[in-house]
Amino acid sequence: MKLVIDARYVRITHHDGISRFTAGLIAAVSEYADVTMLIHDERQLEHLPRLPYLKINAPTSVLEPLAALQVNKLRPDVVFSPMQTMGSWGRKFPLILTLHDLIYYAHPKAPGFLPAPIRAGWYLFHQVYWPQRMLLNRADAVATVSHTTRDLMRRHRLTRRKIGIVSNAPNPVDAVRDPQTQPAKTLLYMGSFMAYKNVETLIDGMASLPDYELHLLSPIRPDRQTELEERARPGTRLVFHNGVSDTEYAELLARCTALVTLSREEGYGLPLVEAMSTGTPVVVSDMPIFREVAQDAALYVNSDSAEGFASAVRELTDGDRWRELSRRSVANAQRYSWQHSARQLMELCEYAITHSRVHR
């Protein structure tokens, strides 16, 4: 099978969620198919497997509606995009588009790194559902990363196409941490600092955990960091890393007490699985997607309860409880792998080819 995967959303500085999903899936599915990648900047290749590629316009370009005309030249059996916005006018190939979550219908403010006109369009797009339906119904099949999101898509009738699960997954770990080793009194947060991520409640909860440090790992704007530092009460111990390498991330996970998040909305929650795969417990907000991903391997708390969060962390000072959750975490994380996700994608590709509405 000649499979083209759109890798134009891969970041050139560091992986975000979409970027990591794309790179991990490409590496795994290349064992099952003849993969060609689409890029728009050769610097993206530093974060991708060494595979054939075609350089075309950026996905934010005014030329994006015509992107399929360039892809037609590759004569692919099927094309997979990790987003739902890939241009498809004039396509001569089966197409799979992806919707990761419905977060921005509840929180329509766009990521700040996007150009202002894109942010404005993003906001307007997420005020009603019919534009999303138009995008998704252009495809021959639609992918999403979780059963929770698939159920929401069906509830809101976002597409008439088949919706297949192509799970997110952690990168393989070198070693699982020894549950008998005493964890450090550090907590890790890996995620953005957008409002729905609810980092403020984590910081409020740290006032009741004076023996613990909260390490905030992701890149952050200086003004946002200042805002969060000013919110912290005296004695709160915060460490802003402003981005970490994969090696640094692994080292921090191998020592900490838990990975924590009180996000109010998520499409999947990849940091949970990354932590669990190393044997690190997680303390998370109680919502359906985290229940799906973490099952009985997490401590669940009300996302608006700073004291509930602090109480869950204190529960982990019991060595037996920490070790129990560590073992559960490793067992649960084994359900997710890029190889499994690649097989899911291949099944969806076969469906899209068989049920394609285009004549090649």
Protein backbone atom coordinates (compact mmCIF):
# COMPACT_ATOMS: atom_id res chain seq x y z
CA MET A 1 0.00 0.00 0.00
CA LYS A 2 1.30 3.43 -0.98
CA LEU A 3 0.36 5.63 1.97
CA VAL A 4 0.92 9.39 2.09
CA ILE A 5 0.86 10.98 5.57
CA ASP A 6 0.57 14.71 6.08
CA ALA A 7 3.45 15.70 8.38
CA ARG A 8 3.12 19.44 7.87
CA TYR A 9 1.88 19.93 11.44
CA VAL A 10 5.15 18.68 12.93
CA ARG A 11 6.77 21.49 14.92
CA ILE A 12 10.32 22.55 13.99
CA THR A 13 11.37 23.35 17.58
CA HIS A 14 9.76 20.71 19.78
CA HIS A 15 6.92 18.20 19.59
CA ASP A 16 3.46 19.19 20.71
CA GLY A 17 0.59 16.68 20.85
CA ILE A 18 -0.25 16.64 17.12
CA SER A 19 3.42 16.67 16.20
CA ARG A 20 4.29 13.71 18.42
CA PHE A 21 1.23 11.79 17.24
CA THR A 22 2.27 12.29 13.62
CA ALA A 23 5.91 11.31 14.09
CA GLY A 24 5.14 8.25 16.22
CA LEU A 25 2.51 6.99 13.82
CA ILE A 26 4.69 7.50 10.74
CA ALA A 27 7.57 5.52 12.26
CA ALA A 28 5.34 2.59 13.19
CA VAL A 29 3.15 2.42 10.10
CA SER A 30 6.18 2.51 7.79
CA GLU A 31 6.68 -1.16 8.76
CA TYR A 32 3.34 -2.00 7.13
CA ALA A 33 3.14 0.37 4.16
CA ASP A 34 5.19 2.34 1.64
CA VAL A 35 5.03 5.75 3.35
CA THR A 36 5.70 9.16 1.84
CA MET A 37 5.50 12.23 4.07
CA LEU A 38 4.20 15.69 3.23
CA ILE A 39 6.22 18.56 4.73
CA HIS A 40 6.36 22.31 4.20
CA ASP A 41 9.71 23.07 5.89
CA GLU A 42 12.81 20.88 5.64
CA ARG A 43 13.58 21.56 9.31
CA GLN A 44 10.64 19.29 10.10
CA LEU A 45 12.73 16.35 8.90
CA GLU A 46 14.86 16.55 12.06
CA HIS A 47 11.83 15.30 14.01
CA LEU A 48 10.66 12.67 11.53
CA PRO A 49 11.82 9.22 10.39
CA ARG A 50 14.10 9.03 7.35
CA LEU A 51 11.47 8.37 4.70
CA PRO A 52 10.60 9.79 1.27
CA TYR A 53 8.86 13.14 1.38
CA LEU A 54 7.23 15.80 -0.77
CA LYS A 55 7.53 19.46 0.13
CA ILE A 56 4.36 21.44 -0.55
CA ASN A 57 2.70 24.57 0.81
CA ALA A 58 2.19 25.15 4.53
CA PRO A 59 -1.22 24.11 5.87
CA THR A 60 -1.93 27.76 6.79
CA SER A 61 -1.19 28.96 3.23
CA VAL A 62 -3.88 30.47 1.00
CA LEU A 63 -2.95 27.65 -1.41
CA GLU A 64 -4.11 24.97 1.02
CA PRO A 65 -7.46 24.29 -0.71
CA LEU A 66 -5.41 23.16 -3.76
CA ALA A 67 -2.97 20.97 -1.81
CA ALA A 68 -4.49 17.76 -3.21
CA LEU A 69 -3.42 18.75 -6.73
CA GLN A 70 0.21 18.44 -5.63
CA VAL A 71 -0.42 15.19 -3.78
CA ASN A 72 -2.13 13.65 -6.83
CA LYS A 73 1.29 13.50 -8.49
CA LEU A 74 2.37 10.85 -5.96
CA ARG A 75 -0.49 8.57 -7.08
CA PRO A 76 -1.13 7.36 -3.51
CA ASP A 77 -3.42 4.49 -2.63
CA VAL A 78 -4.64 6.52 0.33
CA VAL A 79 -3.75 9.73 2.19
CA PHE A 80 -3.94 10.21 5.96
CA SER A 81 -3.98 13.63 7.61
CA PRO A 82 -3.62 14.00 11.41
CA MET A 83 -5.90 17.05 11.16
CA GLN A 84 -9.24 17.73 9.47
CA THR A 85 -8.21 20.80 7.48
CA MET A 86 -6.13 19.32 4.65
CA GLY A 87 -7.09 20.75 1.27
CA SER A 88 -8.95 18.20 -0.86
CA TRP A 89 -10.19 20.04 -3.95
CA GLY A 90 -9.53 17.94 -7.04
CA ARG A 91 -8.20 14.94 -5.13
CA LYS A 92 -7.78 11.62 -6.93
CA PHE A 93 -7.10 9.51 -3.85
CA PRO A 94 -8.98 8.09 -0.85
CA LEU A 95 -8.65 10.44 2.12
CA ILE A 96 -8.72 9.98 5.90
CA LEU A 97 -9.04 13.08 8.07
CA THR A 98 -8.60 13.25 11.84
CA LEU A 99 -10.48 15.04 14.61
CA HIS A 100 -8.70 14.68 17.94
CA ASP A 101 -11.24 16.32 20.23
CA LEU A 102 -14.03 18.85 20.61
CA ILE A 103 -12.24 21.02 23.16
CA TYR A 104 -12.48 24.24 21.22
CA TYR A 105 -16.27 24.17 21.06
CA ALA A 106 -16.22 24.68 24.83
CA HIS A 107 -13.06 26.85 24.77
CA PRO A 108 -12.96 28.52 21.32
CA LYS A 109 -9.89 30.70 21.90
CA ALA A 110 -7.21 29.58 19.44
CA PRO A 111 -3.57 28.83 20.33
CA GLY A 112 -1.56 32.05 20.49
CA PHE A 113 1.14 30.92 18.05
CA LEU A 114 -1.32 31.05 15.13
CA PRO A 115 -1.57 34.20 12.98
CA ALA A 116 -4.33 36.63 13.99
CA PRO A 117 -6.56 35.94 10.95
CA ILE A 118 -6.34 32.20 11.63
CA ARG A 119 -7.22 32.77 15.31
CA ALA A 120 -10.27 34.82 14.33
CA GLY A 121 -11.43 32.19 11.87
CA TRP A 122 -10.79 29.48 14.46
CA TYR A 123 -13.02 31.25 16.98
CA LEU A 124 -15.87 31.71 14.49
CA PHE A 125 -15.51 28.14 13.22
CA HIS A 126 -16.14 26.71 16.69
CA GLN A 127 -19.34 28.64 17.35
CA VAL A 128 -21.47 26.13 15.38
CA TYR A 129 -21.06 22.52 14.25
CA TRP A 130 -21.95 22.70 10.55
CA PRO A 131 -18.48 23.87 9.35
CA GLN A 132 -16.92 20.85 11.06
CA ARG A 133 -19.42 18.57 9.35
CA MET A 134 -18.48 20.06 5.98
CA LEU A 135 -14.79 19.42 6.62
CA LEU A 136 -15.17 15.85 7.84
CA ASN A 137 -17.68 14.75 5.22
CA ARG A 138 -15.11 15.47 2.48
CA ALA A 139 -13.20 12.39 3.64
CA ASP A 140 -13.76 8.70 2.93
CA ALA A 141 -13.17 7.87 6.60
CA VAL A 142 -12.47 9.84 9.77
CA ALA A 143 -10.02 8.97 12.54
CA THR A 144 -10.01 10.00 16.19
CA VAL A 145 -7.83 8.99 19.12
CA SER A 146 -10.37 7.85 21.72
CA HIS A 147 -13.75 6.22 22.21
CA THR A 148 -14.76 9.26 24.26
CA THR A 149 -14.25 11.62 21.34
CA ARG A 150 -15.88 9.20 18.90
CA ASP A 151 -18.97 9.11 21.12
CA LEU A 152 -19.08 12.92 21.20
CA MET A 153 -18.71 13.09 17.42
CA ARG A 154 -21.64 10.73 17.00
CA ARG A 155 -23.73 12.62 19.55
CA HIS A 156 -23.24 15.85 17.64
CA ARG A 157 -23.58 14.11 14.23
CA LEU A 158 -20.28 15.55 13.02
CA THR A 159 -19.85 13.17 10.10
CA ARG A 160 -21.63 10.59 7.96
CA ARG A 161 -18.35 8.77 7.40
CA LYS A 162 -16.99 5.79 9.30
CA ILE A 163 -15.14 6.89 12.45
CA GLY A 164 -12.15 4.72 13.30
CA ILE A 165 -9.98 4.79 16.40
CA VAL A 166 -6.27 5.46 15.84
CA SER A 167 -4.95 5.72 19.38
CA ASN A 168 -2.27 7.99 20.66
CA ALA A 169 0.67 6.20 22.30
CA PRO A 170 3.83 6.84 24.33
CA ASN A 171 7.31 6.41 22.95
CA PRO A 172 8.96 3.18 24.19
CA VAL A 173 10.71 3.56 27.55
CA ASP A 174 14.20 2.26 28.24
CA ALA A 175 13.29 0.95 31.68
CA VAL A 176 10.39 0.94 34.12
CA ARG A 177 11.25 2.57 37.44
CA ASP A 178 11.81 0.38 40.49
CA PRO A 179 8.66 0.65 42.68
CA GLN A 180 10.79 -0.04 45.77
CA THR A 181 12.81 3.15 45.28
CA GLN A 182 11.52 6.10 47.29
CA PRO A 183 10.17 8.78 44.92
CA ALA A 184 11.33 12.37 45.18
CA LYS A 185 8.83 14.91 46.48
CA THR A 186 8.33 16.43 43.06
CA LEU A 187 5.20 16.64 40.90
CA LEU A 188 5.28 17.10 37.14
CA TYR A 189 2.91 19.00 34.89
CA MET A 190 3.32 18.47 31.14
CA GLY A 191 0.93 20.49 29.01
CA SER A 192 0.14 23.94 27.72
CA PHE A 193 -0.88 26.91 29.84
CA MET A 194 -4.15 27.67 28.08
CA ALA A 195 -7.09 28.54 30.34
CA TYR A 196 -8.87 25.19 30.06
CA LYS A 197 -5.74 23.40 31.30
CA ASN A 198 -6.55 24.85 34.73
CA VAL A 199 -2.97 25.14 35.95
CA GLU A 200 -4.16 27.75 38.45
CA THR A 201 -5.87 25.10 40.61
CA LEU A 202 -2.69 23.02 40.66
CA ILE A 203 -0.80 26.05 41.95
CA ASP A 204 -3.49 26.77 44.54
CA GLY A 205 -3.24 23.18 45.76
CA MET A 206 0.51 23.40 46.15
CA ALA A 207 -0.03 25.82 49.06
CA SER A 208 -1.14 22.74 51.05
CA LEU A 209 1.90 20.73 49.92
CA PRO A 210 4.88 22.71 51.27
CA ASP A 211 7.20 19.69 51.07
CA TYR A 212 6.62 19.25 47.33
CA GLU A 213 7.90 21.02 44.21
CA LEU A 214 5.67 21.43 41.17
CA HIS A 215 7.72 21.24 37.96
CA LEU A 216 5.99 22.86 34.98
CA LEU A 217 7.77 21.44 31.97
CA SER A 218 6.32 23.02 28.83
CA PRO A 219 7.37 26.22 27.05
CA ILE A 220 5.61 29.26 28.49
CA ARG A 221 5.38 32.94 27.61
CA PRO A 222 7.14 35.24 30.10
CA ASP A 223 3.93 37.15 30.88
CA ARG A 224 2.03 33.91 31.57
CA GLN A 225 4.80 32.67 33.85
CA THR A 226 4.73 35.93 35.80
CA GLU A 227 0.96 35.65 36.12
CA LEU A 228 1.21 32.16 37.61
CA GLU A 229 4.12 33.06 39.90
CA GLU A 230 2.15 35.98 41.30
CA ARG A 231 -0.79 33.67 41.98
CA ALA A 232 1.32 31.29 44.08
CA ARG A 233 1.01 31.73 47.83
CA PRO A 234 4.11 32.19 50.01
CA GLY A 235 5.97 28.93 50.45
CA THR A 236 4.71 27.43 47.17
CA ARG A 237 7.58 25.79 45.32
CA LEU A 238 7.32 26.12 41.54
CA VAL A 239 9.97 25.24 38.95
CA PHE A 240 9.38 26.47 35.38
CA HIS A 241 11.49 24.55 32.85
CA ASN A 242 10.20 26.36 29.75
CA GLY A 243 10.58 23.17 27.71
CA VAL A 244 12.48 19.94 28.28
CA SER A 245 14.12 17.40 26.00
CA ASP A 246 12.83 13.84 25.83
CA THR A 247 15.82 12.75 27.91
CA GLU A 248 15.16 15.36 30.59
CA TYR A 249 11.48 14.43 30.64
CA ALA A 250 12.31 10.76 31.14
CA GLU A 251 14.73 11.56 33.96
CA LEU A 252 12.16 13.70 35.76
CA LEU A 253 9.46 11.03 35.35
CA ALA A 254 11.80 8.41 36.79
CA ARG A 255 12.17 10.32 40.07
CA CYS A 256 8.92 12.15 40.76
CA THR A 257 6.01 11.19 42.97
CA ALA A 258 3.37 11.72 40.28
CA LEU A 259 2.41 13.43 37.06
CA VAL A 260 -0.51 15.78 37.70
CA THR A 261 -3.15 17.60 35.66
CA LEU A 262 -6.49 19.19 36.50
CA SER A 263 -7.42 20.00 32.90
CA ARG A 264 -11.13 20.67 32.32
CA GLU A 265 -11.06 19.34 28.75
CA GLU A 266 -8.85 16.84 26.92
CA GLY A 267 -8.98 14.82 23.75
CA TYR A 268 -6.71 12.08 25.05
CA GLY A 269 -4.06 12.98 27.62
CA LEU A 270 -0.82 11.58 26.23
CA PRO A 271 1.30 12.67 29.25
CA LEU A 272 -0.78 10.29 31.38
CA VAL A 273 0.24 7.29 29.29
CA GLU A 274 3.84 8.49 29.05
CA ALA A 275 4.00 8.66 32.84
CA MET A 276 2.22 5.36 33.43
CA SER A 277 4.48 3.53 30.98
CA THR A 278 7.44 4.36 33.26
CA GLY A 279 5.58 3.29 36.41
CA THR A 280 4.80 6.84 37.56
CA PRO A 281 1.35 7.31 39.15
CA VAL A 282 -0.94 10.07 37.91
CA VAL A 283 -3.30 12.44 39.72
CA VAL A 284 -5.89 13.75 37.30
CA SER A 285 -9.24 15.47 37.00
CA ASP A 286 -12.22 13.15 37.02
CA MET A 287 -13.65 13.18 33.49
CA PRO A 288 -14.56 10.53 30.89
CA ILE A 289 -11.46 10.71 28.71
CA PHE A 290 -9.09 10.27 31.65
CA ARG A 291 -11.23 7.39 32.93
CA GLU A 292 -10.90 5.76 29.50
CA VAL A 293 -7.14 6.26 29.28
CA ALA A 294 -6.05 5.62 32.88
CA GLN A 295 -8.81 3.30 34.13
CA ASP A 296 -7.95 2.08 37.68
CA ALA A 297 -4.35 3.32 37.56
CA ALA A 298 -5.03 6.96 38.51
CA LEU A 299 -6.20 9.03 41.44
CA TYR A 300 -9.18 11.11 40.29
CA VAL A 301 -10.12 14.48 41.78
CA ASN A 302 -12.54 17.31 41.13
CA SER A 303 -10.80 19.67 38.71
CA ASP A 304 -11.91 22.71 40.73
CA SER A 305 -10.78 21.38 44.12
CA ALA A 306 -7.30 22.51 45.13
CA GLU A 307 -7.68 20.69 48.45
CA GLY A 308 -8.88 17.52 46.73
CA PHE A 309 -5.76 17.61 44.57
CA ALA A 310 -3.52 18.11 47.63
CA SER A 311 -5.28 15.27 49.46
CA ALA A 312 -4.68 12.88 46.54
CA VAL A 313 -0.97 13.74 46.51
CA ARG A 314 -0.76 13.14 50.26
CA GLU A 315 -2.33 9.71 49.67
CA LEU A 316 0.79 8.82 47.70
CA THR A 317 2.99 9.28 50.77
CA ASP A 318 1.79 5.81 51.75
CA GLY A 319 4.51 3.64 50.18
CA ASP A 320 2.21 0.66 49.65
CA ARG A 321 -0.37 2.83 47.89
CA TRP A 322 2.27 4.43 45.68
CA ARG A 323 3.69 1.03 44.70
CA GLU A 324 0.20 -0.34 43.96
CA LEU A 325 -0.55 2.54 41.60
CA SER A 326 2.89 2.27 40.02
CA ARG A 327 2.27 -1.40 39.15
CA ARG A 328 -1.23 -0.64 37.86
CA SER A 329 0.17 2.16 35.73
CA VAL A 330 2.65 -0.08 33.93
CA ALA A 331 -0.01 -2.72 33.27
CA ASN A 332 -2.49 -0.17 31.97
CA ALA A 333 0.01 1.59 29.68
CA GLN A 334 0.74 -1.67 27.89
CA ARG A 335 -2.62 -1.27 26.13
CA TYR A 336 -1.08 1.54 24.07
CA SER A 337 1.74 1.31 21.54
CA TRP A 338 2.54 2.87 18.19
CA GLN A 339 2.53 -0.60 16.64
CA HIS A 340 -1.06 -1.10 17.79
CA SER A 341 -1.99 2.36 16.50
CA ALA A 342 -0.34 1.58 13.15
CA ARG A 343 -2.48 -1.54 12.78
CA GLN A 344 -5.57 0.51 13.58
CA LEU A 345 -4.60 2.98 10.87
CA MET A 346 -3.98 0.24 8.33
CA GLU A 347 -7.47 -1.18 8.94
CA LEU A 348 -8.97 2.26 8.41
CA CYS A 349 -6.90 2.73 5.25
CA GLU A 350 -8.25 -0.51 3.80
CA TYR A 351 -11.77 0.66 4.56
CA ALA A 352 -11.16 4.07 2.94
CA ILE A 353 -9.74 2.47 -0.20
CA THR A 354 -12.67 0.06 -0.49
CA HIS A 355 -15.31 2.74 0.12
CA SER A 356 -13.64 5.66 -1.63
CA ARG A 357 -15.90 8.09 -3.48
CA VAL A 358 -13.22 9.21 -5.95
CA HIS A 359 -12.40 7.61 -9.29
CA ARG A 360 -8.69 7.24 -9.91
